[in-house]
Protein backbone atom coordinates (compact mmCIF):
# COMPACT_ATOMS: atom_id res chain seq x y z
CA UNK A 1 44.92 -19.98 -4.74
CA UNK A 2 45.59 -20.33 -1.00
CA UNK A 3 42.92 -21.98 1.07
CA UNK A 4 41.20 -19.66 3.29
CA UNK A 5 42.20 -19.30 6.77
CA UNK A 6 39.95 -20.43 9.79
CA UNK A 7 39.92 -20.14 13.48
CA UNK A 8 42.82 -22.10 15.02
CA UNK A 9 45.10 -21.83 11.96
CA UNK A 10 48.54 -20.33 12.48
CA UNK A 11 48.58 -16.84 11.31
CA UNK A 12 51.02 -16.48 8.34
CA UNK A 13 53.85 -14.20 9.56
CA UNK A 14 54.92 -11.30 7.52
CA UNK A 15 57.35 -8.36 7.50
CA UNK A 16 56.29 -5.36 5.40
CA UNK A 17 57.07 -1.66 5.28
CA UNK A 18 54.57 0.86 6.66
CA UNK A 19 53.59 4.12 5.42
CA UNK A 20 56.92 5.72 6.79
CA UNK A 21 59.00 2.88 5.27
CA UNK A 22 59.62 1.18 8.62
CA UNK A 23 59.38 -2.58 8.67
CA UNK A 24 56.62 -4.06 10.58
CA UNK A 25 56.29 -7.91 11.35
CA UNK A 26 53.35 -9.69 12.73
CA UNK A 27 55.78 -11.57 15.16
CA UNK A 28 56.52 -8.35 16.86
CA UNK A 29 52.95 -8.43 18.26
CA UNK A 30 53.14 -11.77 19.90
CA UNK A 31 51.49 -11.71 23.25
CA UNK A 32 48.93 -9.14 21.92
CA UNK A 33 45.52 -9.58 20.01
CA UNK A 34 45.96 -8.00 16.63
CA UNK A 35 43.24 -7.07 14.09
CA UNK A 36 44.79 -7.65 10.63
CA UNK A 37 42.64 -6.28 7.70
CA UNK A 38 43.23 -6.24 4.02
CA UNK A 39 41.72 -3.70 1.58
CA UNK A 40 42.11 -3.19 -2.05
CA UNK A 41 43.56 0.34 -2.46
CA UNK A 42 44.32 3.38 -0.23
CA UNK A 43 42.44 6.69 -1.10
CA UNK A 44 39.47 4.97 -2.69
CA UNK A 45 36.05 5.76 -1.18
CA UNK A 46 35.27 2.33 0.56
CA UNK A 47 38.92 1.87 1.70
CA UNK A 48 39.03 5.52 3.13
CA UNK A 49 35.67 4.83 5.01
CA UNK A 50 37.04 1.68 6.40
CA UNK A 51 40.37 3.16 7.39
CA UNK A 52 38.61 6.10 8.98
CA UNK A 53 36.27 3.85 10.93
CA UNK A 54 39.24 2.03 12.33
CA UNK A 55 40.99 5.25 13.14
CA UNK A 56 37.73 6.47 14.84
CA UNK A 57 37.43 3.41 16.96
CA UNK A 58 40.93 2.84 17.56
CA UNK A 59 41.00 3.93 21.24
CA UNK A 60 38.14 1.45 22.05
CA UNK A 61 39.90 -1.51 20.31
CA UNK A 62 43.31 -0.55 21.87
CA UNK A 63 41.71 -0.29 25.35
CA UNK A 64 40.29 -3.92 24.93
CA UNK A 65 43.84 -5.08 24.11
CA UNK A 66 43.43 -5.19 20.24
CA UNK A 67 46.26 -3.73 17.96
CA UNK A 68 45.12 -2.89 14.25
CA UNK A 69 47.16 -3.28 11.20
CA UNK A 70 45.98 -2.51 7.66
CA UNK A 71 47.37 -4.17 4.51
CA UNK A 72 46.86 -3.20 0.80
CA UNK A 73 48.96 -3.78 -2.38
CA UNK A 74 49.92 -0.04 -2.36
CA UNK A 75 53.28 1.42 -2.46
CA UNK A 76 54.94 3.05 0.51
CA UNK A 77 54.56 6.56 -1.10
CA UNK A 78 50.83 6.01 -1.68
CA UNK A 79 50.53 4.70 1.69
CA UNK A 80 52.25 7.70 3.35
CA UNK A 81 49.95 10.05 1.45
CA UNK A 82 46.86 8.28 2.63
CA UNK A 83 48.05 7.97 6.26
CA UNK A 84 48.78 11.82 6.31
CA UNK A 85 45.59 12.90 4.52
CA UNK A 86 43.35 10.77 6.78
CA UNK A 87 45.43 11.13 9.90
CA UNK A 88 45.60 7.33 10.42
CA UNK A 89 47.21 6.47 13.82
CA UNK A 90 47.67 2.83 13.17
CA UNK A 91 50.10 0.99 10.77
CA UNK A 92 49.22 0.47 7.34
CA UNK A 93 51.58 -1.68 5.16
CA UNK A 94 52.25 -2.07 1.66
CA UNK A 95 52.50 -5.38 -0.25
CA UNK A 96 52.82 -4.50 -3.89
CA UNK A 97 53.92 -8.15 -4.73
CA UNK A 98 50.81 -9.37 -2.90
CA UNK A 99 52.63 -12.31 -1.39
CA UNK A 100 51.28 -11.65 2.16
CA UNK A 101 47.82 -10.98 0.70
CA UNK A 102 47.75 -14.23 -1.01
CA UNK A 103 49.32 -16.12 1.90
CA UNK A 104 46.26 -14.89 4.00
CA UNK A 105 43.79 -15.97 0.98
CA UNK A 106 42.79 -12.20 0.64
CA UNK A 107 43.37 -12.36 -3.07
CA UNK A 108 41.31 -14.03 -5.68
CA UNK A 109 38.38 -13.78 -8.01
CA UNK A 110 35.93 -10.70 -7.55
CA UNK A 111 32.76 -9.64 -9.42
CA UNK A 112 31.47 -6.19 -9.93
CA UNK A 113 28.95 -4.87 -12.27
CA UNK A 114 28.88 -8.20 -14.07
CA UNK A 115 32.66 -8.52 -14.73
CA UNK A 116 35.04 -11.00 -13.13
CA UNK A 117 38.57 -10.18 -12.19
CA UNK A 118 41.33 -10.91 -9.88
CA UNK A 119 41.75 -8.50 -6.92
CA UNK A 120 42.21 -8.00 -3.18
CA UNK A 121 39.23 -9.41 -1.31
CA UNK A 122 38.36 -7.02 1.58
CA UNK A 123 39.08 -9.39 4.70
CA UNK A 124 39.49 -9.04 8.47
CA UNK A 125 41.19 -11.31 10.89
CA UNK A 126 41.79 -11.38 14.59
CA UNK A 127 45.04 -12.91 15.46
CA UNK A 128 45.22 -14.06 19.16
CA UNK A 129 48.33 -13.63 21.38
CA UNK A 130 49.76 -16.95 20.45
CA UNK A 131 49.67 -16.16 16.59
CA UNK A 132 46.62 -18.14 15.87
CA UNK A 133 43.57 -17.00 13.91
CA UNK A 134 40.80 -16.41 16.41
CA UNK A 135 38.33 -14.88 13.77
CA UNK A 136 38.52 -14.75 10.05
CA UNK A 137 35.99 -12.72 7.83
CA UNK A 138 36.04 -12.61 4.00
CA UNK A 139 34.05 -10.46 1.62
CA UNK A 140 33.52 -7.76 4.25
CA UNK A 141 31.58 -4.52 3.32
CA UNK A 142 33.74 -1.29 3.94
CA UNK A 143 30.80 0.66 5.54
CA UNK A 144 29.76 -0.73 8.91
CA UNK A 145 32.44 -3.48 9.15
CA UNK A 146 34.08 -2.01 12.06
CA UNK A 147 30.97 -1.55 14.09
CA UNK A 148 30.19 -5.15 13.21
CA UNK A 149 33.69 -6.35 14.51
CA UNK A 150 33.30 -4.45 17.68
CA UNK A 151 29.82 -6.17 18.26
CA UNK A 152 31.33 -9.68 17.25
CA UNK A 153 34.36 -9.13 19.72
CA UNK A 154 31.76 -8.26 22.61
CA UNK A 155 33.10 -4.72 22.84
CA UNK A 156 29.92 -2.71 22.06
CA UNK A 157 28.55 -0.76 24.89
């Protein structure tokens, strides 16, 4: 397992396909602040809530200089359906091999209803314009996380 990322660490670069099949790379966003969030599965209740919260707050985040990228282990076809159904207006990327998810330490042991298993750890990171981790949150809750992120970034009005 990869060691968890902390503020000041270099953000692991990646190139993954988005919901339209177009490759998106983290290094394409150099010079900008980027919110990168990892979620377990498209079209599930918690992940849908979180994605829609990002969609609904995207203008505020973009106006403050933050771009948003979501990453899950889903296939491009599943992401395309999810993006269209939920009218998502930011890139969601698929990492079926989980290589990027693991590089960001967003994959590991989880517990649910007394069972232990391996899976995607819902996590959010802010990458600064120089490509360094500015903030790292692991094990976030789907509901209310975007509002907390906005508060933590000092963007709440």
